Amino acid sequence: MKPVFIFISLLIMLCPAFSQSRMEHYLDSLGLENVGRMDPTLKIDLMYTRADNFTGKVLYEDLQEAYLHPEAAKALLQAQKRLKELYPGYSLIIYDAARPMSVQQKMWNVVKGTSQNIYVSNPARGGGLHNYGLAVDVSIADEKGNPLPMGTKVDHLGKEAHIDTEAAMVQQGVITAQERRNRLLLRRVMTDVGYKPLRSEWWHFNFRSREEAKRNYKVIR
């Protein structure tokens, strides 16, 4: 092998930027943090890299890593630490984090004019906290890497995913008592570090309010 090829190969291995996609390079340029690189024990499984989401389409063709604003990223790592203190074999599993507004528009186009539009932030109104790197879609994986049962799949747009009627849903047999306990565990470790749950999606947590985001943070285009 010629020396020049050896040199290039070493650069690729030593410099992550060489293997970054254009979108990941852009998120880096905004000062966002790759949370999987910060803590390799986190499980990263971005749901919009596949078509099995509520849109039925692949939305992240140029993004495989989970990025967050540094403040939100630091808190997420604290949540992972807290979870492992309680259950050493468990791990947070990240399904979505920073999201470009261009992808938000594609999501909005799917639900616009339907009863499901309450589950997707309208880009024309500034989008949501994902579009600032200040929200994360997250669940818990067990010792074998399997997601704990939560009563619905991640990205389920319906009342079964709401958190404010969970006790009634257990009584009605919509979700099980164990599934509710799993949700409560997730909320416990996330709220302990400053995240706030979204009432309509058990997996969604915000680190700042929309007002704070619009006032103090940059939107991801």
C-alpha atoms as a PDB file:
ATOM      1  CA  MET A   1       0.000   0.000   0.000  1.00  0.00           C
ATOM      2  CA  LYS A   2       1.350   3.439  -0.947  1.00  0.00           C
ATOM      3  CA  PRO A   3       2.270   5.834   1.901  1.00  0.00           C
ATOM      4  CA  VAL A   4      -0.329   8.404   0.816  1.00  0.00           C
ATOM      5  CA  PHE A   5      -3.148   5.872   1.222  1.00  0.00           C
ATOM      6  CA  ILE A   6      -1.852   4.835   4.638  1.00  0.00           C
ATOM      7  CA  PHE A   7      -1.784   8.494   5.688  1.00  0.00           C
ATOM      8  CA  ILE A   8      -5.378   9.090   4.523  1.00  0.00           C
ATOM      9  CA  SER A   9      -6.596   5.944   6.271  1.00  0.00           C
ATOM     10  CA  LEU A  10      -4.994   7.072   9.529  1.00  0.00           C
ATOM     11  CA  LEU A  11      -6.590  10.494   9.211  1.00  0.00           C
ATOM     12  CA  ILE A  12     -10.032   8.944   8.747  1.00  0.00           C
ATOM     13  CA  MET A  13      -9.597   6.810  11.851  1.00  0.00           C
ATOM     14  CA  LEU A  14      -8.207   9.631  13.977  1.00  0.00           C
ATOM     15  CA  CYS A  15     -10.484  12.445  12.810  1.00  0.00           C
ATOM     16  CA  PRO A  16     -14.264  11.823  13.170  1.00  0.00           C
ATOM     17  CA  ALA A  17     -15.028  14.766  10.869  1.00  0.00           C
ATOM     18  CA  PHE A  18     -13.837  12.707   7.895  1.00  0.00           C
ATOM     19  CA  SER A  19     -16.667  10.228   8.424  1.00  0.00           C
ATOM     20  CA  GLN A  20     -19.335  12.809   9.259  1.00  0.00           C
ATOM     21  CA  SER A  21     -22.280  13.425   7.005  1.00  0.00           C
ATOM     22  CA  ARG A  22     -23.043  16.934   5.807  1.00  0.00           C
ATOM     23  CA  MET A  23     -25.886  17.254   8.336  1.00  0.00           C
ATOM     24  CA  GLU A  24     -23.720  16.047  11.218  1.00  0.00           C
ATOM     25  CA  HIS A  25     -21.019  18.535  10.226  1.00  0.00           C
ATOM     26  CA  TYR A  26     -23.682  21.276  10.199  1.00  0.00           C
ATOM     27  CA  LEU A  27     -24.925  20.327  13.679  1.00  0.00           C
ATOM     28  CA  ASP A  28     -21.330  20.381  14.922  1.00  0.00           C
ATOM     29  CA  SER A  29     -20.908  23.851  13.443  1.00  0.00           C
ATOM     30  CA  LEU A  30     -23.880  25.040  15.510  1.00  0.00           C
ATOM     31  CA  GLY A  31     -22.131  23.894  18.679  1.00  0.00           C
ATOM     32  CA  LEU A  32     -24.424  20.910  19.297  1.00  0.00           C
ATOM     33  CA  GLU A  33     -23.036  17.809  20.980  1.00  0.00           C
ATOM     34  CA  ASN A  34     -23.043  14.217  19.716  1.00  0.00           C
ATOM     35  CA  VAL A  35     -24.438  12.521  22.834  1.00  0.00           C
ATOM     36  CA  GLY A  36     -23.432   9.026  21.736  1.00  0.00           C
ATOM     37  CA  ARG A  37     -19.842  10.172  21.497  1.00  0.00           C
ATOM     38  CA  MET A  38     -20.080  11.804  24.924  1.00  0.00           C
ATOM     39  CA  ASP A  39     -21.370   8.608  26.540  1.00  0.00           C
ATOM     40  CA  PRO A  40     -21.014   5.373  24.528  1.00  0.00           C
ATOM     41  CA  THR A  41     -23.266   3.539  27.029  1.00  0.00           C
ATOM     42  CA  LEU A  42     -26.269   5.422  25.598  1.00  0.00           C
ATOM     43  CA  LYS A  43     -28.138   3.470  22.945  1.00  0.00           C
ATOM     44  CA  ILE A  44     -28.824   5.445  19.766  1.00  0.00           C
ATOM     45  CA  ASP A  45     -31.618   4.269  17.480  1.00  0.00           C
ATOM     46  CA  LEU A  46     -32.944   7.276  15.555  1.00  0.00           C
ATOM     47  CA  MET A  47     -36.445   6.298  14.456  1.00  0.00           C
ATOM     48  CA  TYR A  48     -36.558   8.661  11.488  1.00  0.00           C
ATOM     49  CA  THR A  49     -33.657   6.880   9.803  1.00  0.00           C
ATOM     50  CA  ARG A  50     -36.242   4.159   9.029  1.00  0.00           C
ATOM     51  CA  ALA A  51     -39.674   4.191   7.449  1.00  0.00           C
ATOM     52  CA  ASP A  52     -41.441   2.578  10.434  1.00  0.00           C
ATOM     53  CA  ASN A  53     -42.508   5.907  11.922  1.00  0.00           C
ATOM     54  CA  PHE A  54     -45.805   7.797  11.738  1.00  0.00           C
ATOM     55  CA  THR A  55     -44.945   9.331   8.342  1.00  0.00           C
ATOM     56  CA  GLY A  56     -44.122   5.985   6.734  1.00  0.00           C
ATOM     57  CA  LYS A  57     -41.007   7.566   5.205  1.00  0.00           C
ATOM     58  CA  VAL A  58     -37.286   7.839   5.897  1.00  0.00           C
ATOM     59  CA  LEU A  59     -36.764  11.427   7.067  1.00  0.00           C
ATOM     60  CA  TYR A  60     -33.110  11.315   8.110  1.00  0.00           C
ATOM     61  CA  GLU A  61     -31.147  10.341   5.036  1.00  0.00           C
ATOM     62  CA  ASP A  62     -28.084  12.274   6.170  1.00  0.00           C
ATOM     63  CA  LEU A  63     -28.174  11.829   9.950  1.00  0.00           C
ATOM     64  CA  GLN A  64     -27.346   8.775  12.040  1.00  0.00           C
ATOM     65  CA  GLU A  65     -26.196  10.393  15.307  1.00  0.00           C
ATOM     66  CA  ALA A  66     -28.138  12.045  18.136  1.00  0.00           C
ATOM     67  CA  TYR A  67     -27.208  15.680  18.774  1.00  0.00           C
ATOM     68  CA  LEU A  68     -28.359  18.063  21.520  1.00  0.00           C
ATOM     69  CA  HIS A  69     -27.563  21.538  22.767  1.00  0.00           C
ATOM     70  CA  PRO A  70     -24.667  21.211  25.265  1.00  0.00           C
ATOM     71  CA  GLU A  71     -26.901  22.039  28.247  1.00  0.00           C
ATOM     72  CA  ALA A  72     -29.474  19.421  27.273  1.00  0.00           C
ATOM     73  CA  ALA A  73     -26.741  16.907  26.436  1.00  0.00           C
ATOM     74  CA  LYS A  74     -25.123  17.307  29.849  1.00  0.00           C
ATOM     75  CA  ALA A  75     -28.461  16.742  31.572  1.00  0.00           C
ATOM     76  CA  LEU A  76     -29.158  13.647  29.455  1.00  0.00           C
ATOM     77  CA  LEU A  77     -25.850  12.125  30.549  1.00  0.00           C
ATOM     78  CA  GLN A  78     -26.834  12.822  34.156  1.00  0.00           C
ATOM     79  CA  ALA A  79     -30.145  11.020  33.532  1.00  0.00           C
ATOM     80  CA  GLN A  80     -28.238   8.018  32.160  1.00  0.00           C
ATOM     81  CA  LYS A  81     -26.047   8.014  35.265  1.00  0.00           C
ATOM     82  CA  ARG A  82     -29.114   8.248  37.500  1.00  0.00           C
ATOM     83  CA  LEU A  83     -30.787   5.336  35.699  1.00  0.00           C
ATOM     84  CA  LYS A  84     -27.701   3.152  36.073  1.00  0.00           C
ATOM     85  CA  GLU A  85     -27.515   3.947  39.770  1.00  0.00           C
ATOM     86  CA  LEU A  86     -31.026   2.530  40.118  1.00  0.00           C
ATOM     87  CA  TYR A  87     -30.708  -0.304  37.566  1.00  0.00           C
ATOM     88  CA  PRO A  88     -27.086  -0.905  36.489  1.00  0.00           C
ATOM     89  CA  GLY A  89     -28.072  -3.042  33.506  1.00  0.00           C
ATOM     90  CA  TYR A  90     -30.514  -0.535  32.051  1.00  0.00           C
ATOM     91  CA  SER A  91     -29.730   2.196  29.542  1.00  0.00           C
ATOM     92  CA  LEU A  92     -31.505   5.117  27.967  1.00  0.00           C
ATOM     93  CA  ILE A  93     -32.267   4.585  24.301  1.00  0.00           C
ATOM     94  CA  ILE A  94     -32.466   7.712  22.135  1.00  0.00           C
ATOM     95  CA  TYR A  95     -35.012   7.723  19.315  1.00  0.00           C
ATOM     96  CA  ASP A  96     -34.730  11.377  18.292  1.00  0.00           C
ATOM     97  CA  ALA A  97     -32.924  14.508  19.411  1.00  0.00           C
ATOM     98  CA  ALA A  98     -31.946  17.591  17.386  1.00  0.00           C
ATOM     99  CA  ARG A  99     -34.158  17.842  14.303  1.00  0.00           C
ATOM    100  CA  PRO A 100     -33.764  20.207  11.340  1.00  0.00           C
ATOM    101  CA  MET A 101     -36.731  22.456  10.600  1.00  0.00           C
ATOM    102  CA  SER A 102     -36.763  21.049   7.063  1.00  0.00           C
ATOM    103  CA  VAL A 103     -37.651  17.642   8.530  1.00  0.00           C
ATOM    104  CA  GLN A 104     -40.208  19.261  10.839  1.00  0.00           C
ATOM    105  CA  GLN A 105     -41.936  20.631   7.742  1.00  0.00           C
ATOM    106  CA  LYS A 106     -42.153  17.147   6.214  1.00  0.00           C
ATOM    107  CA  MET A 107     -43.763  15.857   9.423  1.00  0.00           C
ATOM    108  CA  TRP A 108     -46.222  18.748   9.511  1.00  0.00           C
ATOM    109  CA  ASN A 109     -47.222  18.110   5.901  1.00  0.00           C
ATOM    110  CA  VAL A 110     -48.330  14.586   6.901  1.00  0.00           C
ATOM    111  CA  VAL A 111     -50.660  15.686   9.731  1.00  0.00           C
ATOM    112  CA  LYS A 112     -51.777  19.104   8.459  1.00  0.00           C
ATOM    113  CA  GLY A 113     -55.557  19.254   8.262  1.00  0.00           C
ATOM    114  CA  THR A 114     -56.020  16.043  10.284  1.00  0.00           C
ATOM    115  CA  SER A 115     -56.895  15.334  13.915  1.00  0.00           C
ATOM    116  CA  GLN A 116     -53.267  14.275  14.461  1.00  0.00           C
ATOM    117  CA  ASN A 117     -51.926  17.786  13.911  1.00  0.00           C
ATOM    118  CA  ILE A 118     -51.931  18.304  17.696  1.00  0.00           C
ATOM    119  CA  TYR A 119     -48.953  15.946  17.922  1.00  0.00           C
ATOM    120  CA  VAL A 120     -46.642  17.836  15.549  1.00  0.00           C
ATOM    121  CA  SER A 121     -45.357  21.391  16.018  1.00  0.00           C
ATOM    122  CA  ASN A 122     -46.118  23.730  13.136  1.00  0.00           C
ATOM    123  CA  PRO A 123     -42.932  25.128  11.545  1.00  0.00           C
ATOM    124  CA  ALA A 124     -44.812  28.312  10.656  1.00  0.00           C
ATOM    125  CA  ARG A 125     -45.151  28.942  14.400  1.00  0.00           C
ATOM    126  CA  GLY A 126     -41.508  28.302  15.179  1.00  0.00           C
ATOM    127  CA  GLY A 127     -41.550  24.524  15.347  1.00  0.00           C
ATOM    128  CA  GLY A 128     -40.802  22.662  18.559  1.00  0.00           C
ATOM    129  CA  LEU A 129     -37.949  22.101  20.977  1.00  0.00           C
ATOM    130  CA  HIS A 130     -36.406  19.374  18.786  1.00  0.00           C
ATOM    131  CA  ASN A 131     -35.683  22.137  16.285  1.00  0.00           C
ATOM    132  CA  TYR A 132     -33.379  23.814  18.800  1.00  0.00           C
ATOM    133  CA  GLY A 133     -31.643  20.677  20.079  1.00  0.00           C
ATOM    134  CA  LEU A 134     -33.528  21.060  23.359  1.00  0.00           C
ATOM    135  CA  ALA A 135     -35.828  18.009  23.266  1.00  0.00           C
ATOM    136  CA  VAL A 136     -35.245  14.291  23.185  1.00  0.00           C
ATOM    137  CA  ASP A 137     -37.389  11.251  22.424  1.00  0.00           C
ATOM    138  CA  VAL A 138     -36.186   8.542  24.776  1.00  0.00           C
ATOM    139  CA  SER A 139     -37.043   5.224  26.391  1.00  0.00           C
ATOM    140  CA  ILE A 140     -35.293   2.568  28.468  1.00  0.00           C
ATOM    141  CA  ALA A 141     -33.573  -0.607  27.299  1.00  0.00           C
ATOM    142  CA  ASP A 142     -33.044  -3.608  29.568  1.00  0.00           C
ATOM    143  CA  GLU A 143     -29.892  -5.680  30.154  1.00  0.00           C
ATOM    144  CA  LYS A 144     -30.319  -7.407  26.790  1.00  0.00           C
ATOM    145  CA  GLY A 145     -30.845  -4.160  24.912  1.00  0.00           C
ATOM    146  CA  ASN A 146     -34.587  -4.643  24.494  1.00  0.00           C
ATOM    147  CA  PRO A 147     -36.854  -1.619  25.048  1.00  0.00           C
ATOM    148  CA  LEU A 148     -38.996  -1.888  28.161  1.00  0.00           C
ATOM    149  CA  PRO A 149     -42.735  -2.149  27.365  1.00  0.00           C
ATOM    150  CA  MET A 150     -44.405   1.239  27.689  1.00  0.00           C
ATOM    151  CA  GLY A 151     -47.919   0.496  26.484  1.00  0.00           C
ATOM    152  CA  THR A 152     -47.432   1.886  22.981  1.00  0.00           C
ATOM    153  CA  LYS A 153     -44.677   2.086  20.437  1.00  0.00           C
ATOM    154  CA  VAL A 154     -42.609   5.236  20.294  1.00  0.00           C
ATOM    155  CA  ASP A 155     -44.226   7.695  17.851  1.00  0.00           C
ATOM    156  CA  HIS A 156     -47.747   6.444  18.533  1.00  0.00           C
ATOM    157  CA  LEU A 157     -50.065   9.385  17.876  1.00  0.00           C
ATOM    158  CA  GLY A 158     -53.037   8.655  20.115  1.00  0.00           C
ATOM    159  CA  LYS A 159     -54.434   8.919  23.647  1.00  0.00           C
ATOM    160  CA  GLU A 160     -52.781   5.647  24.644  1.00  0.00           C
ATOM    161  CA  ALA A 161     -49.456   7.529  24.652  1.00  0.00           C
ATOM    162  CA  HIS A 162     -50.713  10.309  26.938  1.00  0.00           C
ATOM    163  CA  ILE A 163     -49.291  10.473  30.450  1.00  0.00           C
ATOM    164  CA  ASP A 164     -52.075  12.261  32.331  1.00  0.00           C
ATOM    165  CA  THR A 165     -54.577   9.403  32.101  1.00  0.00           C
ATOM    166  CA  GLU A 166     -52.260   6.488  32.803  1.00  0.00           C
ATOM    167  CA  ALA A 167     -53.930   5.397  36.054  1.00  0.00           C
ATOM    168  CA  ALA A 168     -57.311   5.215  34.330  1.00  0.00           C
ATOM    169  CA  MET A 169     -55.790   3.367  31.378  1.00  0.00           C
ATOM    170  CA  VAL A 170     -54.406   0.729  33.744  1.00  0.00           C
ATOM    171  CA  GLN A 171     -57.849   0.254  35.269  1.00  0.00           C
ATOM    172  CA  GLN A 172     -59.373  -0.004  31.795  1.00  0.00           C
ATOM    173  CA  GLY A 173     -56.761  -2.514  30.630  1.00  0.00           C
ATOM    174  CA  VAL A 174     -55.377  -0.183  27.959  1.00  0.00           C
ATOM    175  CA  ILE A 175     -51.895  -0.416  29.445  1.00  0.00           C
ATOM    176  CA  THR A 176     -50.565  -2.705  32.180  1.00  0.00           C
ATOM    177  CA  ALA A 177     -49.445  -1.706  35.657  1.00  0.00           C
ATOM    178  CA  GLN A 178     -45.871  -2.698  34.726  1.00  0.00           C
ATOM    179  CA  GLU A 179     -45.967  -0.521  31.618  1.00  0.00           C
ATOM    180  CA  ARG A 180     -47.037   2.404  33.763  1.00  0.00           C
ATOM    181  CA  ARG A 181     -44.224   1.703  36.237  1.00  0.00           C
ATOM    182  CA  ASN A 182     -41.773   1.729  33.348  1.00  0.00           C
ATOM    183  CA  ARG A 183     -43.091   5.107  32.218  1.00  0.00           C
ATOM    184  CA  LEU A 184     -42.807   6.438  35.751  1.00  0.00           C
ATOM    185  CA  LEU A 185     -39.190   5.270  35.962  1.00  0.00           C
ATOM    186  CA  LEU A 186     -38.382   7.041  32.717  1.00  0.00           C
ATOM    187  CA  ARG A 187     -40.030  10.248  33.920  1.00  0.00           C
ATOM    188  CA  ARG A 188     -38.247   9.992  37.265  1.00  0.00           C
ATOM    189  CA  VAL A 189     -34.725   9.887  35.830  1.00  0.00           C
ATOM    190  CA  MET A 190     -35.476  12.572  33.226  1.00  0.00           C
ATOM    191  CA  THR A 191     -37.237  15.041  35.513  1.00  0.00           C
ATOM    192  CA  ASP A 192     -34.579  14.579  38.200  1.00  0.00           C
ATOM    193  CA  VAL A 193     -32.087  16.310  35.875  1.00  0.00           C
ATOM    194  CA  GLY A 194     -34.331  19.114  34.665  1.00  0.00           C
ATOM    195  CA  TYR A 195     -36.245  17.692  31.712  1.00  0.00           C
ATOM    196  CA  LYS A 196     -40.009  18.201  31.542  1.00  0.00           C
ATOM    197  CA  PRO A 197     -42.369  15.547  30.086  1.00  0.00           C
ATOM    198  CA  LEU A 198     -44.847  16.199  27.298  1.00  0.00           C
ATOM    199  CA  ARG A 199     -48.346  15.173  28.356  1.00  0.00           C
ATOM    200  CA  SER A 200     -49.281  13.663  24.978  1.00  0.00           C
ATOM    201  CA  GLU A 201     -46.135  11.566  24.376  1.00  0.00           C
ATOM    202  CA  TRP A 202     -44.607   9.447  27.133  1.00  0.00           C
ATOM    203  CA  TRP A 203     -41.234   9.378  25.312  1.00  0.00           C
ATOM    204  CA  HIS A 204     -40.839  13.134  24.719  1.00  0.00           C
ATOM    205  CA  PHE A 205     -38.959  15.421  27.118  1.00  0.00           C
ATOM    206  CA  ASN A 206     -38.167  19.141  26.810  1.00  0.00           C
ATOM    207  CA  PHE A 207     -35.214  20.834  28.455  1.00  0.00           C
ATOM    208  CA  ARG A 208     -36.379  24.408  27.938  1.00  0.00           C
ATOM    209  CA  SER A 209     -39.678  26.133  27.194  1.00  0.00           C
ATOM    210  CA  ARG A 210     -40.573  27.295  23.681  1.00  0.00           C
ATOM    211  CA  GLU A 211     -40.390  30.903  24.831  1.00  0.00           C
ATOM    212  CA  GLU A 212     -36.861  30.402  26.175  1.00  0.00           C
ATOM    213  CA  ALA A 213     -35.797  28.609  23.000  1.00  0.00           C
ATOM    214  CA  LYS A 214     -37.076  31.317  20.674  1.00  0.00           C
ATOM    215  CA  ARG A 215     -35.489  34.018  22.816  1.00  0.00           C
ATOM    216  CA  ASN A 216     -32.086  32.506  23.561  1.00  0.00           C
ATOM    217  CA  TYR A 217     -31.253  29.663  21.149  1.00  0.00           C
ATOM    218  CA  LYS A 218     -30.626  29.159  17.448  1.00  0.00           C
ATOM    219  CA  VAL A 219     -33.077  27.175  15.350  1.00  0.00           C
ATOM    220  CA  ILE A 220     -31.731  24.271  13.299  1.00  0.00           C
ATOM    221  CA  ARG A 221     -32.509  24.813   9.631  1.00  0.00           C
END
